[in-house]
Amino acid sequence: MNFLAYAMGGAGGAGGQTGGFGAFIPLILMFAIFYFLLIRPQQKKAKQHKQTLASLKKGDKIVSAGGLYGIITGIADDLVTVEIAPKVRVKISRGSISGVISSNVSVAADKNEN
């Protein structure tokens, strides 16, 4: 009888160690899910935006974070001069440019305005 109690106690101790590691498996899986569904796509989008800002050039049609559409007429280090209407130019921060408009979209917008 005493031998039986000793055997059960030994098995319980080994099971407790495995259970401790087993408790971390759901946390590891949750981190992996968050990484692949949230963190990684956000990093890719930020990298792409940074590349877009680095490749800006004179004549590009852009949209700012505030919703201004215009054409780049000048670029300094961190300032970009944008023409938003004929003979109306504003200076905005390079970081406030949210994207470059492709030529297909701008042609469609120009046709709708006329």
Protein backbone atom coordinates (compact mmCIF):
# COMPACT_ATOMS: atom_id res chain seq x y z
CA MET A 1 0.00 0.00 0.00
CA ASN A 2 2.82 2.35 0.84
CA PHE A 3 4.48 1.44 -2.47
CA LEU A 4 1.32 2.38 -4.37
CA ALA A 5 1.20 5.83 -2.76
CA TYR A 6 4.87 6.41 -3.64
CA ALA A 7 4.25 5.49 -7.29
CA MET A 8 1.31 7.86 -7.56
CA GLY A 9 3.27 10.67 -5.99
CA GLY A 10 6.13 10.22 -8.48
CA ALA A 11 3.80 10.25 -11.45
CA GLY A 12 2.03 13.37 -10.18
CA GLY A 13 5.33 15.23 -9.86
CA ALA A 14 6.35 14.44 -13.43
CA GLY A 15 2.91 15.45 -14.69
CA GLY A 16 3.16 18.78 -12.88
CA GLN A 17 6.34 19.70 -14.73
CA THR A 18 4.81 18.93 -18.09
CA GLY A 19 1.68 20.88 -17.16
CA GLY A 20 3.79 23.96 -16.38
CA PHE A 21 5.31 23.98 -19.85
CA GLY A 22 1.94 23.14 -21.38
CA ALA A 23 0.50 26.33 -19.89
CA PHE A 24 2.87 28.42 -22.03
CA ILE A 25 1.86 26.80 -25.32
CA PRO A 26 -1.40 28.82 -25.65
CA LEU A 27 0.51 32.03 -24.93
CA ILE A 28 3.07 31.21 -27.60
CA LEU A 29 0.30 30.42 -30.09
CA MET A 30 -1.50 33.69 -29.28
CA PHE A 31 1.71 35.67 -29.82
CA ALA A 32 2.27 33.91 -33.17
CA ILE A 33 -1.29 34.71 -34.27
CA PHE A 34 -0.94 38.37 -33.26
CA TYR A 35 2.40 38.59 -35.06
CA PHE A 36 1.15 37.20 -38.36
CA LEU A 37 -2.24 38.94 -38.34
CA LEU A 38 -1.38 42.34 -36.84
CA ILE A 39 2.28 43.17 -36.36
CA ARG A 40 3.78 41.87 -39.60
CA PRO A 41 1.24 43.49 -42.00
CA GLN A 42 1.63 46.80 -40.14
CA GLN A 43 5.42 46.66 -40.52
CA LYS A 44 5.09 45.89 -44.23
CA LYS A 45 2.73 48.82 -44.73
CA ALA A 46 5.04 51.20 -42.83
CA LYS A 47 8.04 50.04 -44.88
CA GLN A 48 6.14 50.55 -48.14
CA HIS A 49 5.04 54.07 -47.07
CA LYS A 50 8.62 54.96 -46.15
CA GLN A 51 9.80 53.81 -49.59
CA THR A 52 7.04 55.85 -51.24
CA LEU A 53 8.11 58.99 -49.37
CA ALA A 54 11.75 58.41 -50.29
CA SER A 55 10.91 58.06 -54.00
CA LEU A 56 8.90 61.29 -54.33
CA LYS A 57 9.92 63.49 -57.24
CA LYS A 58 8.86 66.72 -58.88
CA GLY A 59 5.69 66.27 -60.95
CA ASP A 60 4.19 63.44 -58.85
CA LYS A 61 0.49 63.74 -58.07
CA ILE A 62 -0.04 63.20 -54.34
CA VAL A 63 -2.67 63.25 -51.64
CA SER A 64 -1.85 64.53 -48.17
CA ALA A 65 -3.07 63.16 -44.86
CA GLY A 66 -5.39 66.16 -44.64
CA GLY A 67 -7.00 65.31 -47.98
CA LEU A 68 -5.28 67.88 -50.23
CA TYR A 69 -4.64 66.69 -53.76
CA GLY A 70 -1.89 68.33 -55.73
CA ILE A 71 1.25 68.11 -57.84
CA ILE A 72 4.72 68.34 -56.34
CA THR A 73 6.55 71.42 -57.62
CA GLY A 74 9.54 71.35 -55.29
CA ILE A 75 11.20 69.11 -52.73
CA ALA A 76 13.51 70.12 -49.88
CA ASP A 77 14.78 67.89 -47.08
CA ASP A 78 11.54 67.57 -45.11
CA LEU A 79 9.35 70.11 -46.93
CA VAL A 80 7.45 69.51 -50.14
CA THR A 81 5.91 72.31 -52.17
CA VAL A 82 2.60 71.22 -53.66
CA GLU A 83 0.49 73.06 -56.21
CA ILE A 84 -3.15 72.50 -55.23
CA ALA A 85 -4.66 74.87 -57.82
CA PRO A 86 -3.24 76.97 -60.64
CA LYS A 87 -0.72 79.39 -59.07
CA VAL A 88 -1.63 78.22 -55.52
CA ARG A 89 1.27 76.49 -53.79
CA VAL A 90 1.53 75.23 -50.24
CA LYS A 91 4.40 73.75 -48.31
CA ILE A 92 3.71 70.56 -46.40
CA SER A 93 5.79 68.12 -44.44
CA ARG A 94 7.01 65.09 -46.36
CA GLY A 95 5.64 62.85 -43.62
CA SER A 96 2.10 64.17 -44.09
CA ILE A 97 1.90 62.78 -47.62
CA SER A 98 -0.27 59.71 -47.47
CA GLY A 99 0.23 58.48 -51.01
CA VAL A 100 1.07 59.00 -54.64
CA ILE A 101 -1.86 58.95 -57.03
CA SER A 102 -1.46 56.73 -60.06
CA SER A 103 -2.00 58.27 -63.48
CA ASN A 104 -5.11 56.11 -64.13
CA VAL A 105 -6.93 57.51 -61.12
CA SER A 106 -6.00 61.12 -61.87
CA VAL A 107 -7.16 60.86 -65.51
CA ALA A 108 -10.53 59.55 -64.32
CA ALA A 109 -10.79 62.38 -61.78
CA ASP A 110 -9.90 65.00 -64.44
CA LYS A 111 -12.64 63.65 -66.75
CA ASN A 112 -15.21 63.84 -63.93
CA GLU A 113 -14.32 67.49 -63.22
CA ASN A 114 -14.92 68.59 -66.83
